């Protein structure tokens, strides 16, 4: 099993190699004077003062291009990595694990880029939705908002209004459950529930903030689940599961982003999520070289355990959102 130091060394080595390659591509020619100390250059850094050997007078377009390159490693690798992530995920992950990494964007960088894309797409989707062909702001339902209760029957409106009123008038003594034995705990959660009922937008904003924090937690959780599923498979390590998880979750994030963007035009866009189990099957079998039956059985167990963990994370997200709502 790979230790934490070994994983850190691998990530550090990959980062240093990428930085040297990028610096070499943008550096001044050998023999040119260093712009800081005027020593003749012998490489991408000045050996006398340590300053990077770059010409710093750049156009705005070049600066924008370099900023985008720094984020996405736009040196050709991105155009090789993402198509392979979509069409040949098993080969992509297997190549990385076997040491063929020069042509790939690092997996964690892909994961972070896709994570940003998911939250951006989700924000756009929830801030707008199609209503009679026009884009309007997304609203949390409230009893006195006719735009969100227009399609409710009178009975549904009355029940909804009564439920919201009960939440706003919730008494501390009504709070029951594990950890709610003390009056202080009941008073805290009762107050937070009343705040959320009175200002549901604030509760949603608080929950979204925590969703950003919890998203990265999916990586170690996925790696631990895969470690259990492949416990008796030889020559497979936790590091392998981390790389697989980064690639797999990145693809699932791409699907979610497509769903969010597409849903602003039609709900049929969510049908793209049917590609998720297909991709997982191809990815898992290609990476771990398992049989069809073995892959399907592991996928079934992964789905079952993931459903439980996802439900617990949703509960945790709601509790954290309630605890921090203002």
Protein backbone atom coordinates (compact mmCIF):
# COMPACT_ATOMS: atom_id res chain seq x y z
CA UNK A 1 0.00 0.00 0.00
CA UNK A 2 1.38 3.40 -0.96
CA UNK A 3 2.21 5.60 2.02
CA UNK A 4 1.27 9.24 2.37
CA UNK A 5 4.93 10.24 1.79
CA UNK A 6 5.07 8.24 -1.44
CA UNK A 7 1.88 9.87 -2.75
CA UNK A 8 3.19 13.31 -1.80
CA UNK A 9 6.52 12.60 -3.53
CA UNK A 10 4.70 11.50 -6.70
CA UNK A 11 2.55 14.62 -6.77
CA UNK A 12 5.56 16.86 -6.05
CA UNK A 13 7.64 15.22 -8.78
CA UNK A 14 4.82 15.65 -11.31
CA UNK A 15 4.39 19.32 -10.36
CA UNK A 16 8.13 20.07 -10.61
CA UNK A 17 8.42 18.30 -13.97
CA UNK A 18 5.47 20.29 -15.33
CA UNK A 19 6.88 23.59 -14.04
CA UNK A 20 10.30 22.92 -15.60
CA UNK A 21 8.72 22.03 -18.92
CA UNK A 22 6.54 25.16 -18.90
CA UNK A 23 9.46 27.40 -17.90
CA UNK A 24 11.66 25.95 -20.66
CA UNK A 25 9.00 26.67 -23.28
CA UNK A 26 8.69 30.36 -22.33
CA UNK A 27 12.33 31.07 -21.39
CA UNK A 28 14.81 33.39 -23.09
CA UNK A 29 17.47 31.81 -25.36
CA UNK A 30 20.63 30.34 -23.81
CA UNK A 31 23.32 32.99 -23.45
CA UNK A 32 20.92 35.93 -23.19
CA UNK A 33 21.51 38.20 -20.17
CA UNK A 34 19.36 37.68 -17.08
CA UNK A 35 16.95 40.61 -16.76
CA UNK A 36 17.72 40.83 -13.03
CA UNK A 37 21.51 40.40 -12.66
CA UNK A 38 22.64 40.32 -16.33
CA UNK A 39 24.38 36.96 -15.94
CA UNK A 40 24.45 34.90 -19.15
CA UNK A 41 21.61 32.38 -18.96
CA UNK A 42 22.28 28.65 -19.09
CA UNK A 43 18.69 27.41 -18.66
CA UNK A 44 15.11 28.39 -17.79
CA UNK A 45 16.32 29.89 -14.46
CA UNK A 46 19.28 32.14 -13.78
CA UNK A 47 21.90 30.13 -11.88
CA UNK A 48 23.24 33.31 -10.23
CA UNK A 49 20.11 34.93 -8.78
CA UNK A 50 17.41 32.27 -9.33
CA UNK A 51 15.02 34.46 -11.33
CA UNK A 52 13.03 32.74 -14.07
CA UNK A 53 14.54 33.47 -17.47
CA UNK A 54 11.45 34.96 -19.09
CA UNK A 55 10.75 38.12 -21.01
CA UNK A 56 8.16 39.90 -18.91
CA UNK A 57 6.96 42.37 -21.53
CA UNK A 58 3.89 40.55 -22.89
CA UNK A 59 0.73 41.51 -24.70
CA UNK A 60 -2.60 41.23 -22.89
CA UNK A 61 -3.54 38.30 -25.15
CA UNK A 62 -0.39 36.40 -24.22
CA UNK A 63 -0.98 37.08 -20.53
CA UNK A 64 -4.55 35.78 -20.81
CA UNK A 65 -3.33 32.72 -22.68
CA UNK A 66 -0.70 31.98 -20.04
CA UNK A 67 -3.24 32.40 -17.24
CA UNK A 68 -5.54 29.90 -18.92
CA UNK A 69 -2.59 27.62 -19.58
CA UNK A 70 -1.60 27.76 -15.93
CA UNK A 71 -5.09 26.66 -14.91
CA UNK A 72 -5.69 23.96 -17.48
CA UNK A 73 -2.16 23.10 -18.65
CA UNK A 74 -3.14 24.14 -22.16
CA UNK A 75 -0.03 22.79 -23.90
CA UNK A 76 -1.78 20.16 -25.97
CA UNK A 77 -2.29 17.71 -23.11
CA UNK A 78 -5.81 18.91 -22.36
CA UNK A 79 -6.94 18.03 -25.88
CA UNK A 80 -5.53 14.53 -25.44
CA UNK A 81 -6.76 13.97 -21.89
CA UNK A 82 -10.45 14.91 -22.01
CA UNK A 83 -11.34 12.91 -25.16
CA UNK A 84 -9.64 9.87 -23.62
CA UNK A 85 -11.41 10.48 -20.30
CA UNK A 86 -14.73 10.32 -22.15
CA UNK A 87 -14.03 7.60 -24.73
CA UNK A 88 -11.16 5.50 -23.32
CA UNK A 89 -11.15 6.05 -19.55
CA UNK A 90 -9.64 2.69 -18.67
CA UNK A 91 -6.65 3.27 -20.95
CA UNK A 92 -6.20 6.81 -19.57
CA UNK A 93 -6.07 5.65 -15.95
CA UNK A 94 -4.02 2.55 -16.76
CA UNK A 95 -1.44 4.63 -18.62
CA UNK A 96 -1.11 7.01 -15.68
CA UNK A 97 -0.67 4.16 -13.21
CA UNK A 98 1.93 2.54 -15.48
CA UNK A 99 3.95 5.76 -15.56
CA UNK A 100 2.94 7.16 -18.98
CA UNK A 101 2.03 10.63 -17.68
CA UNK A 102 3.77 13.17 -19.90
CA UNK A 103 0.80 13.49 -22.28
CA UNK A 104 -1.84 13.77 -19.53
CA UNK A 105 -3.23 16.61 -17.46
CA UNK A 106 -2.67 15.53 -13.81
CA UNK A 107 -5.81 13.80 -12.44
CA UNK A 108 -6.28 16.11 -9.47
CA UNK A 109 -6.10 19.16 -11.73
CA UNK A 110 -8.80 17.62 -13.96
CA UNK A 111 -10.94 16.97 -10.87
CA UNK A 112 -10.63 20.56 -9.66
CA UNK A 113 -11.40 22.02 -13.10
CA UNK A 114 -14.50 19.83 -13.46
CA UNK A 115 -15.58 20.62 -9.89
CA UNK A 116 -15.52 24.33 -10.70
CA UNK A 117 -17.48 23.62 -13.88
CA UNK A 118 -20.13 21.65 -11.97
CA UNK A 119 -20.73 24.42 -9.45
CA UNK A 120 -20.79 27.04 -12.19
CA UNK A 121 -23.28 25.01 -14.25
CA UNK A 122 -25.38 24.27 -11.17
CA UNK A 123 -25.42 27.93 -10.21
CA UNK A 124 -26.57 28.92 -13.68
CA UNK A 125 -29.23 26.22 -13.73
CA UNK A 126 -30.67 27.13 -10.32
CA UNK A 127 -30.55 30.88 -10.92
CA UNK A 128 -32.56 30.53 -14.13
CA UNK A 129 -35.17 28.14 -15.43
CA UNK A 130 -37.37 28.10 -18.46
CA UNK A 131 -40.89 29.33 -17.88
CA UNK A 132 -43.16 29.73 -20.93
CA UNK A 133 -40.10 30.23 -23.12
CA UNK A 134 -38.61 32.97 -20.93
CA UNK A 135 -35.75 32.77 -18.44
CA UNK A 136 -36.77 33.88 -14.96
CA UNK A 137 -34.99 33.87 -11.62
CA UNK A 138 -35.21 30.66 -9.60
CA UNK A 139 -37.19 31.13 -6.37
CA UNK A 140 -37.62 29.12 -3.20
CA UNK A 141 -41.29 28.42 -2.60
CA UNK A 142 -42.94 30.57 0.07
CA UNK A 143 -46.63 30.55 1.04
CA UNK A 144 -47.30 34.11 -0.14
CA UNK A 145 -45.43 33.92 -3.48
CA UNK A 146 -48.03 33.45 -6.26
CA UNK A 147 -45.37 32.77 -8.92
CA UNK A 148 -44.33 29.51 -7.23
CA UNK A 149 -47.75 28.42 -5.94
CA UNK A 150 -49.73 29.16 -9.11
CA UNK A 151 -49.96 25.47 -10.08
CA UNK A 152 -50.98 24.26 -6.62
CA UNK A 153 -54.55 23.36 -5.75
CA UNK A 154 -56.27 25.25 -2.95
CA UNK A 155 -55.84 22.24 -0.69
CA UNK A 156 -52.10 22.03 -1.47
CA UNK A 157 -51.67 25.75 -0.88
CA UNK A 158 -53.39 25.52 2.48
CA UNK A 159 -51.33 22.51 3.54
CA UNK A 160 -48.10 24.12 2.39
CA UNK A 161 -48.89 27.36 4.21
CA UNK A 162 -49.79 25.45 7.37
CA UNK A 163 -46.53 23.45 7.24
CA UNK A 164 -44.42 26.60 6.85
CA UNK A 165 -46.32 28.27 9.68
CA UNK A 166 -45.64 25.30 11.95
CA UNK A 167 -41.91 25.53 11.20
CA UNK A 168 -41.81 29.25 11.93
CA UNK A 169 -43.76 28.72 15.16
CA UNK A 170 -41.76 25.64 16.15
CA UNK A 171 -41.23 25.35 19.89
CA UNK A 172 -37.96 24.17 21.37
CA UNK A 173 -39.76 21.38 23.21
CA UNK A 174 -40.89 19.98 19.84
CA UNK A 175 -37.27 19.13 18.92
CA UNK A 176 -36.62 15.47 19.61
CA UNK A 177 -33.89 13.02 18.66
CA UNK A 178 -30.41 11.78 19.47
CA UNK A 179 -28.30 14.56 20.98
CA UNK A 180 -31.38 16.70 21.68
CA UNK A 181 -31.74 15.73 25.33
CA UNK A 182 -30.42 19.02 26.70
CA UNK A 183 -32.49 22.23 26.62
CA UNK A 184 -29.54 24.09 25.07
CA UNK A 185 -29.38 21.77 22.05
CA UNK A 186 -33.14 21.95 21.51
CA UNK A 187 -33.06 25.75 21.77
CA UNK A 188 -30.21 25.98 19.22
CA UNK A 189 -31.77 23.72 16.59
CA UNK A 190 -35.23 25.15 17.14
CA UNK A 191 -33.89 28.63 16.51
CA UNK A 192 -32.01 27.53 13.40
CA UNK A 193 -35.10 25.81 11.94
CA UNK A 194 -37.15 28.95 12.52
CA UNK A 195 -34.49 31.03 10.75
CA UNK A 196 -34.45 28.65 7.78
CA UNK A 197 -38.26 28.68 7.54
CA UNK A 198 -38.34 32.47 7.66
CA UNK A 199 -35.52 32.87 5.11
CA UNK A 200 -35.20 29.74 2.93
CA UNK A 201 -32.85 31.52 0.50
CA UNK A 202 -30.30 31.97 3.30
CA UNK A 203 -30.58 28.27 4.17
CA UNK A 204 -29.97 27.25 0.53
CA UNK A 205 -26.94 29.58 0.33
CA UNK A 206 -25.51 28.09 3.52
CA UNK A 207 -26.02 24.53 2.24
CA UNK A 208 -24.36 25.37 -1.10
CA UNK A 209 -21.30 26.73 0.72
CA UNK A 210 -20.96 23.47 2.59
CA UNK A 211 -21.48 21.49 -0.62
CA UNK A 212 -18.28 23.10 -1.95
CA UNK A 213 -16.41 21.89 1.12
CA UNK A 214 -17.84 18.36 1.10
CA UNK A 215 -17.22 17.82 -2.63
CA UNK A 216 -13.51 17.10 -2.12
CA UNK A 217 -14.37 14.57 0.62
CA UNK A 218 -15.80 12.34 -2.13
CA UNK A 219 -12.27 11.44 -3.26
CA UNK A 220 -11.04 9.63 -0.11
CA UNK A 221 -14.47 8.07 0.40
CA UNK A 222 -14.47 6.68 -3.15
CA UNK A 223 -10.89 5.42 -2.72
CA UNK A 224 -11.80 3.63 0.53
CA UNK A 225 -14.83 1.97 -1.06
CA UNK A 226 -12.72 0.77 -3.99
CA UNK A 227 -10.06 -0.48 -1.57
CA UNK A 228 -12.68 -2.68 0.07
CA UNK A 229 -14.01 -3.93 -3.28
CA UNK A 230 -10.51 -4.85 -4.53
CA UNK A 231 -9.15 -5.98 -1.16
CA UNK A 232 -7.99 -9.37 -2.45
CA UNK A 233 -6.73 -8.25 -5.87
CA UNK A 234 -2.94 -8.34 -6.08
CA UNK A 235 -0.76 -5.38 -7.04
CA UNK A 236 -3.55 -2.85 -6.56
CA UNK A 237 -2.93 -0.02 -4.11
CA UNK A 238 -4.79 2.88 -2.50
CA UNK A 239 -2.91 5.26 -4.82
CA UNK A 240 -4.41 3.40 -7.79
CA UNK A 241 -7.91 3.85 -6.37
CA UNK A 242 -7.30 7.57 -5.82
CA UNK A 243 -6.31 8.07 -9.46
CA UNK A 244 -9.29 6.01 -10.64
CA UNK A 245 -11.60 8.02 -8.37
CA UNK A 246 -10.29 11.35 -9.70
CA UNK A 247 -10.85 10.28 -13.31
CA UNK A 248 -14.22 8.66 -12.64
CA UNK A 249 -15.63 11.53 -10.58
CA UNK A 250 -14.35 13.98 -13.19
CA UNK A 251 -16.40 12.25 -15.87
CA UNK A 252 -19.47 12.15 -13.63
CA UNK A 253 -18.96 15.87 -13.06
CA UNK A 254 -18.88 16.47 -16.81
CA UNK A 255 -22.19 14.62 -17.14
CA UNK A 256 -23.72 16.69 -14.34
CA UNK A 257 -22.52 19.89 -16.01
CA UNK A 258 -24.07 18.86 -19.32
CA UNK A 259 -27.29 18.03 -17.47
CA UNK A 260 -27.36 21.39 -15.68
CA UNK A 261 -26.68 23.39 -18.84
CA UNK A 262 -29.05 21.32 -20.96
CA UNK A 263 -31.85 21.46 -18.37
CA UNK A 264 -32.09 25.22 -18.91
CA UNK A 265 -33.53 24.35 -22.34
CA UNK A 266 -35.20 20.97 -21.77
CA UNK A 267 -35.58 18.44 -18.95
CA UNK A 268 -34.68 15.70 -21.45
CA UNK A 269 -31.05 16.76 -21.04
CA UNK A 270 -30.90 14.74 -17.81
CA UNK A 271 -31.08 11.55 -19.91
CA UNK A 272 -27.34 12.01 -20.38
CA UNK A 273 -26.91 10.54 -16.87
CA UNK A 274 -27.72 7.09 -18.31
CA UNK A 275 -24.17 7.15 -19.66
CA UNK A 276 -22.82 7.09 -16.09
CA UNK A 277 -23.05 3.31 -15.40
CA UNK A 278 -21.87 2.51 -18.93
CA UNK A 279 -18.78 4.67 -18.49
CA UNK A 280 -18.10 3.25 -15.02
CA UNK A 281 -18.24 -0.30 -16.40
CA UNK A 282 -15.81 0.47 -19.23
CA UNK A 283 -13.56 2.48 -16.92
CA UNK A 284 -13.41 -0.09 -14.11
CA UNK A 285 -12.87 -3.06 -16.40
CA UNK A 286 -10.19 -1.25 -18.41
CA UNK A 287 -8.30 -0.03 -15.34
CA UNK A 288 -8.42 -3.09 -13.10
CA UNK A 289 -8.66 -5.68 -15.92
CA UNK A 290 -11.49 -7.54 -14.25
CA UNK A 291 -13.98 -9.93 -15.83
CA UNK A 292 -17.44 -8.84 -16.97
CA UNK A 293 -19.12 -10.60 -14.04
CA UNK A 294 -16.56 -9.32 -11.54
CA UNK A 295 -16.97 -5.76 -12.79
CA UNK A 296 -20.77 -5.90 -12.66
CA UNK A 297 -20.77 -7.36 -9.13
CA UNK A 298 -18.41 -4.66 -7.89
CA UNK A 299 -20.52 -1.99 -9.59
CA UNK A 300 -23.63 -3.33 -7.85
CA UNK A 301 -21.94 -3.24 -4.44
CA UNK A 302 -20.50 0.19 -5.19
CA UNK A 303 -23.96 1.50 -6.11
CA UNK A 304 -25.48 0.10 -2.90
CA UNK A 305 -22.81 1.51 -0.58
CA UNK A 306 -22.65 4.81 -2.50
CA UNK A 307 -26.41 5.26 -2.11
CA UNK A 308 -26.11 4.91 1.67
CA UNK A 309 -23.11 7.25 1.88
CA UNK A 310 -24.73 9.78 -0.45
CA UNK A 311 -27.87 9.80 1.71
CA UNK A 312 -25.77 10.36 4.83
CA UNK A 313 -23.90 13.20 3.11
CA UNK A 314 -27.20 14.85 2.14
CA UNK A 315 -28.35 14.64 5.76
CA UNK A 316 -25.01 16.04 6.92
CA UNK A 317 -25.28 18.82 4.34
CA UNK A 318 -28.76 19.77 5.54
CA UNK A 319 -27.63 19.72 9.18
CA UNK A 320 -24.56 21.86 8.43
CA UNK A 321 -26.71 24.23 6.38
CA UNK A 322 -29.16 24.56 9.26
CA UNK A 323 -26.39 24.96 11.84
CA UNK A 324 -24.78 27.87 9.98
CA UNK A 325 -27.82 29.66 8.53
CA UNK A 326 -28.00 33.33 9.52
